[in-house]
Amino acid sequence: MRHFTSFLFIMALLAMSGCATLNSVNPFPRHIYSTPGSAQRQPQATAPRSAKTNPYTVMGRTYHPLKTAAGYAETGYASWYGEDFHGRKTANGEIYNMYALTAAHKTLPLGTRIRVTNLENGRNVILTVNDRGPFVSGRLLDLSYGAARQLGSVDRGVTKVRIEAIGTVPASRPVHASASTSYHVRVGAFANRDNAVNAHRTLIRAGYKGSRITTISRNGRTLHVVQAGSYSNRDRAERVRSALRPHFPSCYIVG
């Protein structure tokens, strides 16, 4: 079951080589609410280009995000969203990775870390709020596919949950323009999206939780780029590349 929520990066590509993602912030992307076999585009939210807590308007209703998540705890219903949004931009400017542990919430500050407990089976998972939604009556949270899978709610679709705020994602440190912010291990660029998805799943199963797929167009050709992860130092990236080379011989580092 798929639900409602929620780039341009110029890069060099080698055949069967991956790429990093870097996106300008677009806090409120177009949302699509879909049910199996159908999809309906909803109006785009209009709002200032905010960081985490600016008010925003969707379908004529204005939402006022909390200034702080401290002490937040609530019970309600959670849905999930997956492949239809995979690779699209989220409210905080990141690219949505359906296999990562993230969620969309209407009013929690972007970057809030939450513990979500499935009240129907007792499973729980820690997630990061990086998107806005779900703008559907009776829904409190939209889980990523990966989060819903860990909570055991994929087949059920909508599940009653308990949400507790436990902190925030640390802010990024400013760097000098001449400094490299990170090193990206790229493993593949695929014309066939299914091949990219299979490579991405292999990385996730191997423990590379920061892996992602980015779709780009270059010279009239669409490529689905798979990245194993980004690392703060070259030595770490080299170790990851060495570990991956038996499976992805053409993988290399950009940074």
Protein backbone atom coordinates (compact mmCIF):
# COMPACT_ATOMS: atom_id res chain seq x y z
CA MET A 1 0.00 0.00 0.00
CA ARG A 2 1.39 3.35 -0.98
CA HIS A 3 0.51 6.61 0.68
CA PHE A 4 0.71 10.40 0.47
CA THR A 5 3.82 12.53 1.11
CA SER A 6 6.60 13.14 0.48
CA PHE A 7 17.89 17.89 -8.48
CA LEU A 8 19.94 18.75 -10.17
CA PHE A 9 23.52 17.55 -9.69
CA ILE A 10 26.02 17.75 -12.57
CA MET A 11 28.38 14.80 -12.38
CA ALA A 12 30.84 12.70 -14.36
CA LEU A 13 29.86 9.08 -14.90
CA LEU A 14 31.79 6.04 -16.00
CA ALA A 15 30.11 2.97 -17.40
CA MET A 16 28.74 0.98 -14.49
CA SER A 17 29.94 3.66 -12.04
CA GLY A 18 27.87 5.25 -9.32
CA CYS A 19 27.40 8.83 -8.11
CA ALA A 20 26.70 11.00 -5.12
CA THR A 21 23.63 13.13 -4.56
CA LEU A 22 23.63 16.79 -3.63
CA ASN A 23 20.48 18.83 -3.85
CA SER A 24 19.32 22.38 -3.41
CA VAL A 25 16.69 22.64 -0.71
CA ASN A 26 13.07 22.54 -1.87
CA PRO A 27 11.21 22.14 1.42
CA PHE A 28 7.84 21.15 0.02
CA PRO A 29 7.87 18.87 -3.03
CA ARG A 30 4.77 17.77 -4.95
CA HIS A 31 2.89 15.07 -3.16
CA ILE A 32 1.03 12.17 -4.69
CA TYR A 33 -1.44 10.02 -2.82
CA SER A 34 -1.78 6.64 -4.43
CA THR A 35 -3.69 3.46 -3.89
CA PRO A 36 -2.89 0.24 -5.75
CA GLY A 37 -3.66 0.81 -9.41
CA SER A 38 -4.29 4.56 -9.18
CA ALA A 39 -2.48 7.81 -8.50
CA GLN A 40 -3.78 11.34 -8.04
CA ARG A 41 -1.58 14.45 -7.99
CA GLN A 42 -2.33 16.88 -5.20
CA PRO A 43 -1.55 20.63 -5.21
CA GLN A 44 1.99 21.58 -4.33
CA ALA A 45 2.51 23.03 -0.89
CA THR A 46 3.44 26.70 -0.84
CA ALA A 47 5.73 28.00 1.87
CA PRO A 48 8.95 29.87 2.60
CA ARG A 49 12.20 28.04 1.97
CA SER A 50 12.51 27.03 5.61
CA ALA A 51 15.02 25.02 7.52
CA LYS A 52 13.00 23.06 10.04
CA THR A 53 10.06 24.90 11.59
CA ASN A 54 8.63 27.61 9.29
CA PRO A 55 4.86 27.55 8.70
CA TYR A 56 3.70 26.11 5.38
CA THR A 57 0.40 25.70 3.53
CA VAL A 58 -1.00 22.62 1.81
CA MET A 59 -4.38 22.54 0.08
CA GLY A 60 -5.47 25.75 1.78
CA ARG A 61 -4.50 24.71 5.29
CA THR A 62 -1.55 26.27 7.11
CA TYR A 63 0.57 24.14 9.41
CA HIS A 64 2.76 25.52 12.18
CA PRO A 65 5.62 23.12 13.00
CA LEU A 66 6.71 22.86 16.60
CA LYS A 67 9.70 24.98 17.55
CA THR A 68 11.05 22.05 19.56
CA ALA A 69 10.26 18.35 19.75
CA ALA A 70 11.20 18.13 23.45
CA GLY A 71 8.63 16.08 25.35
CA TYR A 72 6.64 15.17 22.25
CA ALA A 73 4.70 11.90 22.51
CA GLU A 74 1.55 10.95 20.64
CA THR A 75 -0.49 7.94 19.58
CA GLY A 76 -2.13 7.68 16.17
CA TYR A 77 -2.12 5.89 12.84
CA ALA A 78 0.86 5.48 10.53
CA SER A 79 0.84 4.66 6.83
CA TRP A 80 3.89 4.13 4.58
CA TYR A 81 5.18 5.22 1.18
CA GLY A 82 7.64 3.53 -1.13
CA GLU A 83 8.73 3.12 -4.73
CA ASP A 84 6.55 5.89 -6.24
CA PHE A 85 8.61 8.42 -4.27
CA HIS A 86 11.98 6.69 -4.29
CA GLY A 87 14.61 9.12 -5.57
CA ARG A 88 12.46 12.23 -5.13
CA LYS A 89 13.32 15.21 -2.99
CA THR A 90 11.97 15.35 0.58
CA ALA A 91 11.00 18.45 2.58
CA ASN A 92 14.50 18.91 4.02
CA GLY A 93 16.17 18.63 0.60
CA GLU A 94 17.37 15.04 0.93
CA ILE A 95 16.57 12.42 -1.69
CA TYR A 96 13.99 9.95 -0.45
CA ASN A 97 15.40 6.47 0.04
CA MET A 98 12.55 4.03 0.57
CA TYR A 99 14.88 1.57 2.33
CA ALA A 100 16.25 4.10 4.85
CA LEU A 101 14.71 4.62 8.29
CA THR A 102 12.85 7.90 7.87
CA ALA A 103 9.35 9.32 8.21
CA ALA A 104 7.11 12.24 7.27
CA HIS A 105 5.28 14.25 9.95
CA LYS A 106 3.20 17.41 9.62
CA THR A 107 4.55 19.40 12.59
CA LEU A 108 7.65 17.85 14.15
CA PRO A 109 10.81 19.84 13.30
CA LEU A 110 12.68 18.35 10.36
CA GLY A 111 15.64 16.37 11.67
CA THR A 112 13.80 15.12 14.76
CA ARG A 113 14.72 11.60 15.85
CA ILE A 114 11.70 9.58 16.97
CA ARG A 115 11.02 6.16 18.40
CA VAL A 116 8.00 4.58 16.74
CA THR A 117 6.31 1.57 18.35
CA ASN A 118 3.82 -0.60 16.51
CA LEU A 119 1.09 -1.02 19.12
CA GLU A 120 -0.27 -4.08 17.35
CA ASN A 121 2.87 -6.23 17.64
CA GLY A 122 5.22 -4.37 20.02
CA ARG A 123 8.00 -3.79 17.48
CA ASN A 124 9.78 -0.44 17.54
CA VAL A 125 12.28 1.45 15.41
CA ILE A 126 14.15 4.77 15.60
CA LEU A 127 13.60 7.09 12.64
CA THR A 128 14.50 10.57 11.39
CA VAL A 129 11.76 12.97 10.30
CA ASN A 130 12.88 14.36 6.92
CA ASP A 131 9.58 15.03 5.15
CA ARG A 132 6.12 16.59 5.57
CA GLY A 133 2.84 14.70 5.57
CA PRO A 134 0.74 12.64 5.49
CA PHE A 135 -1.98 15.11 4.46
CA VAL A 136 -4.69 12.49 4.78
CA SER A 137 -7.39 12.61 7.45
CA GLY A 138 -6.72 10.34 10.39
CA ARG A 139 -3.02 9.77 9.65
CA LEU A 140 -0.31 10.91 12.05
CA LEU A 141 2.84 9.61 10.35
CA ASP A 142 4.07 8.35 6.99
CA LEU A 143 6.78 5.72 7.36
CA SER A 144 9.40 4.88 4.78
CA TYR A 145 9.05 1.39 3.32
CA GLY A 146 12.16 0.32 5.26
CA ALA A 147 10.66 1.54 8.53
CA ALA A 148 7.31 -0.13 7.84
CA ARG A 149 9.10 -3.38 7.08
CA GLN A 150 10.93 -3.30 10.40
CA LEU A 151 7.69 -2.53 12.21
CA GLY A 152 5.91 -5.35 10.43
CA SER A 153 3.23 -3.06 8.95
CA VAL A 154 3.88 -3.32 5.19
CA ASP A 155 1.08 -5.76 4.46
CA ARG A 156 -1.36 -4.11 6.84
CA GLY A 157 -0.72 -0.65 5.37
CA VAL A 158 -2.10 1.50 8.20
CA THR A 159 -1.08 0.67 11.76
CA LYS A 160 -1.64 2.22 15.18
CA VAL A 161 1.63 3.52 16.60
CA ARG A 162 3.14 5.40 19.51
CA ILE A 163 5.59 8.20 18.62
CA GLU A 164 8.16 9.59 21.05
CA ALA A 165 10.73 12.28 20.24
CA ILE A 166 14.20 11.29 21.46
CA GLY A 167 16.46 13.98 19.97
CA THR A 168 17.59 15.64 16.76
CA VAL A 169 20.07 14.87 14.01
CA PRO A 170 23.29 16.84 14.69
CA ALA A 171 23.66 19.91 12.51
CA SER A 172 26.29 19.76 9.79
CA ARG A 173 29.55 21.56 10.54
CA PRO A 174 30.43 24.44 8.23
CA VAL A 175 33.44 23.81 6.01
CA HIS A 176 35.68 26.00 3.87
CA ALA A 177 34.79 26.09 0.20
CA SER A 178 38.14 24.51 -0.68
CA ALA A 179 37.63 21.56 1.65
CA SER A 180 36.06 18.29 0.52
CA THR A 181 32.98 17.66 2.67
CA SER A 182 32.82 13.92 2.06
CA TYR A 183 33.96 11.00 -0.07
CA HIS A 184 31.32 9.14 -2.06
CA VAL A 185 31.68 5.49 -3.02
CA ARG A 186 29.94 4.96 -6.35
CA VAL A 187 29.12 1.44 -7.48
CA GLY A 188 26.98 1.59 -10.61
CA ALA A 189 25.02 3.61 -13.16
CA PHE A 190 22.25 1.57 -14.77
CA ALA A 191 20.00 2.24 -17.74
CA ASN A 192 17.60 -0.38 -16.38
CA ARG A 193 16.08 0.72 -13.07
CA ASP A 194 15.43 -2.86 -11.98
CA ASN A 195 19.18 -3.53 -12.10
CA ALA A 196 19.81 -0.43 -9.99
CA VAL A 197 17.19 -1.53 -7.45
CA ASN A 198 18.77 -5.00 -7.24
CA ALA A 199 22.22 -3.49 -6.65
CA HIS A 200 20.79 -1.17 -4.02
CA ARG A 201 19.06 -4.05 -2.23
CA THR A 202 22.34 -5.98 -2.23
CA LEU A 203 24.05 -3.03 -0.51
CA ILE A 204 21.26 -2.67 2.06
CA ARG A 205 21.41 -6.37 2.90
CA ALA A 206 25.18 -6.08 3.27
CA GLY A 207 24.73 -3.33 5.85
CA TYR A 208 25.32 -0.19 3.77
CA LYS A 209 22.36 1.73 5.20
CA GLY A 210 23.47 4.99 3.61
CA SER A 211 23.21 3.65 0.08
CA ARG A 212 20.83 5.33 -2.35
CA ILE A 213 19.67 5.55 -5.95
CA THR A 214 19.69 8.79 -7.93
CA THR A 215 18.09 9.12 -11.36
CA ILE A 216 19.74 11.56 -13.78
CA SER A 217 19.48 12.48 -17.45
CA ARG A 218 22.64 12.99 -19.47
CA ASN A 219 22.83 13.53 -23.24
CA GLY A 220 19.26 12.34 -23.61
CA ARG A 221 19.94 9.15 -21.67
CA THR A 222 18.40 8.28 -18.29
CA LEU A 223 20.66 6.57 -15.76
CA HIS A 224 19.91 5.22 -12.29
CA VAL A 225 23.02 5.78 -10.19
CA VAL A 226 23.74 3.65 -7.12
CA GLN A 227 25.92 4.99 -4.32
CA ALA A 228 27.06 2.83 -1.41
CA GLY A 229 27.53 5.74 0.98
CA SER A 230 29.33 8.97 1.86
CA TYR A 231 32.21 9.13 4.33
CA SER A 232 33.98 11.93 6.14
CA ASN A 233 37.49 10.67 5.47
CA ARG A 234 39.27 9.09 2.51
CA ASP A 235 40.62 6.11 4.44
CA ARG A 236 37.14 4.97 5.41
CA ALA A 237 35.92 5.36 1.83
CA GLU A 238 38.91 3.34 0.55
CA ARG A 239 38.11 0.50 2.96
CA VAL A 240 34.51 0.45 1.74
CA ARG A 241 35.60 0.43 -1.89
CA SER A 242 38.00 -2.45 -1.27
CA ALA A 243 35.24 -4.43 0.41
CA LEU A 244 32.85 -3.83 -2.50
CA ARG A 245 35.21 -4.42 -5.43
CA PRO A 246 34.66 -8.20 -5.57
CA HIS A 247 30.97 -7.50 -6.27
CA PHE A 248 31.29 -4.12 -8.05
CA PRO A 249 34.67 -4.15 -9.86
CA SER A 250 34.19 -0.67 -11.33
CA CYS A 251 33.33 1.11 -8.10
CA TYR A 252 35.34 4.22 -7.35
CA ILE A 253 35.50 7.23 -5.04
CA VAL A 254 34.56 10.84 -5.70
CA GLY A 255 35.36 13.50 -3.16
